Amino acid sequence: MTTVFDWLTVAIFAALAVVYLQRSVGPRPAHDAVWKYLPPAAICMIANQVGNGGWAVPAAILMFGAIAYIWFIIRPLDRAS
Protein backbone atom coordinates (compact mmCIF):
# COMPACT_ATOMS: atom_id res chain seq x y z
CA MET A 1 0.00 0.00 0.00
CA THR A 2 2.40 2.59 -1.24
CA THR A 3 0.55 4.52 -3.94
CA VAL A 4 -2.67 6.47 -4.09
CA PHE A 5 -4.02 3.85 -6.49
CA ASP A 6 -3.58 1.16 -3.85
CA TRP A 7 -5.62 3.16 -1.35
CA LEU A 8 -8.36 4.25 -3.76
CA THR A 9 -8.96 0.86 -5.32
CA VAL A 10 -9.00 -0.83 -1.91
CA ALA A 11 -11.52 1.78 -0.70
CA ILE A 12 -13.78 1.11 -3.71
CA PHE A 13 -13.46 -2.63 -3.24
CA ALA A 14 -14.18 -2.32 0.51
CA ALA A 15 -17.34 -0.34 -0.20
CA LEU A 16 -18.39 -3.00 -2.70
CA ALA A 17 -17.75 -5.73 -0.13
CA VAL A 18 -19.81 -3.87 2.48
CA VAL A 19 -22.76 -3.65 0.09
CA TYR A 20 -22.46 -7.36 -0.69
CA LEU A 21 -22.21 -8.35 2.97
CA GLN A 22 -25.11 -6.11 3.95
CA ARG A 23 -27.30 -7.69 1.29
CA SER A 24 -26.20 -11.22 2.16
CA VAL A 25 -27.70 -11.05 5.67
CA GLY A 26 -31.05 -9.58 4.73
CA PRO A 27 -33.53 -9.50 1.91
CA ARG A 28 -31.95 -8.72 -1.44
CA PRO A 29 -33.33 -6.45 -4.16
CA ALA A 30 -34.80 -8.33 -7.11
CA HIS A 31 -32.09 -7.08 -9.48
CA ASP A 32 -29.23 -8.28 -7.26
CA ALA A 33 -27.07 -11.23 -8.36
CA VAL A 34 -23.69 -12.38 -7.11
CA TRP A 35 -22.06 -12.32 -10.56
CA LYS A 36 -22.70 -8.56 -10.84
CA TYR A 37 -20.06 -7.91 -8.16
CA LEU A 38 -17.22 -9.42 -10.22
CA PRO A 39 -16.79 -6.71 -12.92
CA PRO A 40 -16.18 -3.77 -10.54
CA ALA A 41 -13.83 -5.90 -8.43
CA ALA A 42 -11.85 -6.86 -11.55
CA ILE A 43 -11.85 -3.25 -12.74
CA CYS A 44 -10.38 -2.18 -9.38
CA MET A 45 -7.62 -4.76 -9.77
CA ILE A 46 -6.84 -3.59 -13.30
CA ALA A 47 -6.98 0.09 -12.33
CA ASN A 48 -4.52 -0.53 -9.52
CA GLN A 49 -2.07 -2.27 -11.83
CA VAL A 50 -2.43 0.40 -14.52
CA GLY A 51 -2.00 3.21 -12.01
CA ASN A 52 1.03 1.61 -10.40
CA GLY A 53 2.47 1.24 -13.88
CA GLY A 54 2.48 5.00 -14.31
CA TRP A 55 -0.71 5.43 -16.31
CA ALA A 56 -2.64 7.77 -14.00
CA VAL A 57 -5.35 8.97 -16.39
CA PRO A 58 -6.45 5.51 -17.61
CA ALA A 59 -6.42 4.30 -14.00
CA ALA A 60 -8.63 7.20 -12.94
CA ILE A 61 -11.02 6.48 -15.81
CA LEU A 62 -11.20 2.81 -14.80
CA MET A 63 -11.87 3.71 -11.16
CA PHE A 64 -14.60 6.13 -12.21
CA GLY A 65 -16.04 3.35 -14.39
CA ALA A 66 -16.07 0.96 -11.43
CA ILE A 67 -17.88 3.53 -9.29
CA ALA A 68 -20.39 4.21 -12.09
CA TYR A 69 -20.99 0.47 -12.51
CA ILE A 70 -21.59 0.08 -8.78
CA TRP A 71 -23.94 3.06 -8.71
CA PHE A 72 -26.03 2.20 -11.80
CA ILE A 73 -25.93 -1.62 -11.93
CA ILE A 74 -25.60 -2.75 -8.31
CA ARG A 75 -27.51 0.26 -6.94
CA PRO A 76 -26.28 0.22 -3.33
CA LEU A 77 -29.08 2.44 -2.01
CA ASP A 78 -31.94 0.28 -3.28
CA ARG A 79 -33.98 -1.54 -0.69
CA ALA A 80 -35.40 -5.03 -1.10
CA SER A 81 -39.02 -5.06 -2.17
C-alpha atoms as a PDB file:
ATOM      1  CA  MET A   1       0.000   0.000   0.000  1.00  0.00           C
ATOM      2  CA  THR A   2       2.404   2.594  -1.238  1.00  0.00           C
ATOM      3  CA  THR A   3       0.550   4.516  -3.940  1.00  0.00           C
ATOM      4  CA  VAL A   4      -2.665   6.471  -4.086  1.00  0.00           C
ATOM      5  CA  PHE A   5      -4.022   3.852  -6.491  1.00  0.00           C
ATOM      6  CA  ASP A   6      -3.578   1.162  -3.850  1.00  0.00           C
ATOM      7  CA  TRP A   7      -5.619   3.155  -1.350  1.00  0.00           C
ATOM      8  CA  LEU A   8      -8.359   4.251  -3.756  1.00  0.00           C
ATOM      9  CA  THR A   9      -8.955   0.861  -5.319  1.00  0.00           C
ATOM     10  CA  VAL A  10      -8.999  -0.830  -1.909  1.00  0.00           C
ATOM     11  CA  ALA A  11     -11.516   1.776  -0.705  1.00  0.00           C
ATOM     12  CA  ILE A  12     -13.781   1.113  -3.706  1.00  0.00           C
ATOM     13  CA  PHE A  13     -13.459  -2.633  -3.237  1.00  0.00           C
ATOM     14  CA  ALA A  14     -14.178  -2.325   0.506  1.00  0.00           C
ATOM     15  CA  ALA A  15     -17.341  -0.340  -0.205  1.00  0.00           C
ATOM     16  CA  LEU A  16     -18.395  -3.003  -2.702  1.00  0.00           C
ATOM     17  CA  ALA A  17     -17.746  -5.729  -0.128  1.00  0.00           C
ATOM     18  CA  VAL A  18     -19.813  -3.869   2.481  1.00  0.00           C
ATOM     19  CA  VAL A  19     -22.758  -3.649   0.091  1.00  0.00           C
ATOM     20  CA  TYR A  20     -22.456  -7.360  -0.691  1.00  0.00           C
ATOM     21  CA  LEU A  21     -22.212  -8.355   2.974  1.00  0.00           C
ATOM     22  CA  GLN A  22     -25.109  -6.107   3.945  1.00  0.00           C
ATOM     23  CA  ARG A  23     -27.301  -7.692   1.292  1.00  0.00           C
ATOM     24  CA  SER A  24     -26.197 -11.220   2.162  1.00  0.00           C
ATOM     25  CA  VAL A  25     -27.700 -11.049   5.667  1.00  0.00           C
ATOM     26  CA  GLY A  26     -31.050  -9.577   4.729  1.00  0.00           C
ATOM     27  CA  PRO A  27     -33.532  -9.502   1.914  1.00  0.00           C
ATOM     28  CA  ARG A  28     -31.952  -8.720  -1.441  1.00  0.00           C
ATOM     29  CA  PRO A  29     -33.331  -6.449  -4.157  1.00  0.00           C
ATOM     30  CA  ALA A  30     -34.801  -8.330  -7.109  1.00  0.00           C
ATOM     31  CA  HIS A  31     -32.086  -7.077  -9.480  1.00  0.00           C
ATOM     32  CA  ASP A  32     -29.229  -8.283  -7.264  1.00  0.00           C
ATOM     33  CA  ALA A  33     -27.072 -11.235  -8.360  1.00  0.00           C
ATOM     34  CA  VAL A  34     -23.694 -12.377  -7.105  1.00  0.00           C
ATOM     35  CA  TRP A  35     -22.059 -12.321 -10.557  1.00  0.00           C
ATOM     36  CA  LYS A  36     -22.698  -8.564 -10.836  1.00  0.00           C
ATOM     37  CA  TYR A  37     -20.062  -7.911  -8.160  1.00  0.00           C
ATOM     38  CA  LEU A  38     -17.219  -9.416 -10.218  1.00  0.00           C
ATOM     39  CA  PRO A  39     -16.791  -6.711 -12.921  1.00  0.00           C
ATOM     40  CA  PRO A  40     -16.175  -3.775 -10.544  1.00  0.00           C
ATOM     41  CA  ALA A  41     -13.826  -5.904  -8.428  1.00  0.00           C
ATOM     42  CA  ALA A  42     -11.853  -6.859 -11.545  1.00  0.00           C
ATOM     43  CA  ILE A  43     -11.846  -3.248 -12.737  1.00  0.00           C
ATOM     44  CA  CYS A  44     -10.379  -2.183  -9.375  1.00  0.00           C
ATOM     45  CA  MET A  45      -7.622  -4.758  -9.770  1.00  0.00           C
ATOM     46  CA  ILE A  46      -6.837  -3.593 -13.305  1.00  0.00           C
ATOM     47  CA  ALA A  47      -6.980   0.095 -12.327  1.00  0.00           C
ATOM     48  CA  ASN A  48      -4.516  -0.530  -9.519  1.00  0.00           C
ATOM     49  CA  GLN A  49      -2.066  -2.271 -11.831  1.00  0.00           C
ATOM     50  CA  VAL A  50      -2.431   0.397 -14.519  1.00  0.00           C
ATOM     51  CA  GLY A  51      -1.999   3.206 -12.008  1.00  0.00           C
ATOM     52  CA  ASN A  52       1.027   1.611 -10.397  1.00  0.00           C
ATOM     53  CA  GLY A  53       2.469   1.239 -13.883  1.00  0.00           C
ATOM     54  CA  GLY A  54       2.483   5.003 -14.310  1.00  0.00           C
ATOM     55  CA  TRP A  55      -0.715   5.427 -16.315  1.00  0.00           C
ATOM     56  CA  ALA A  56      -2.640   7.766 -13.997  1.00  0.00           C
ATOM     57  CA  VAL A  57      -5.348   8.973 -16.393  1.00  0.00           C
ATOM     58  CA  PRO A  58      -6.447   5.514 -17.609  1.00  0.00           C
ATOM     59  CA  ALA A  59      -6.417   4.295 -14.003  1.00  0.00           C
ATOM     60  CA  ALA A  60      -8.633   7.203 -12.939  1.00  0.00           C
ATOM     61  CA  ILE A  61     -11.019   6.478 -15.811  1.00  0.00           C
ATOM     62  CA  LEU A  62     -11.196   2.811 -14.797  1.00  0.00           C
ATOM     63  CA  MET A  63     -11.871   3.712 -11.155  1.00  0.00           C
ATOM     64  CA  PHE A  64     -14.598   6.130 -12.215  1.00  0.00           C
ATOM     65  CA  GLY A  65     -16.040   3.355 -14.388  1.00  0.00           C
ATOM     66  CA  ALA A  66     -16.067   0.964 -11.434  1.00  0.00           C
ATOM     67  CA  ILE A  67     -17.880   3.530  -9.294  1.00  0.00           C
ATOM     68  CA  ALA A  68     -20.389   4.206 -12.089  1.00  0.00           C
ATOM     69  CA  TYR A  69     -20.989   0.473 -12.512  1.00  0.00           C
ATOM     70  CA  ILE A  70     -21.586   0.076  -8.781  1.00  0.00           C
ATOM     71  CA  TRP A  71     -23.943   3.058  -8.712  1.00  0.00           C
ATOM     72  CA  PHE A  72     -26.025   2.198 -11.797  1.00  0.00           C
ATOM     73  CA  ILE A  73     -25.930  -1.619 -11.928  1.00  0.00           C
ATOM     74  CA  ILE A  74     -25.601  -2.752  -8.311  1.00  0.00           C
ATOM     75  CA  ARG A  75     -27.510   0.263  -6.944  1.00  0.00           C
ATOM     76  CA  PRO A  76     -26.281   0.225  -3.331  1.00  0.00           C
ATOM     77  CA  LEU A  77     -29.077   2.445  -2.009  1.00  0.00           C
ATOM     78  CA  ASP A  78     -31.942   0.280  -3.282  1.00  0.00           C
ATOM     79  CA  ARG A  79     -33.983  -1.537  -0.691  1.00  0.00           C
ATOM     80  CA  ALA A  80     -35.404  -5.028  -1.098  1.00  0.00           C
ATOM     81  CA  SER A  81     -39.025  -5.057  -2.174  1.00  0.00           C
END
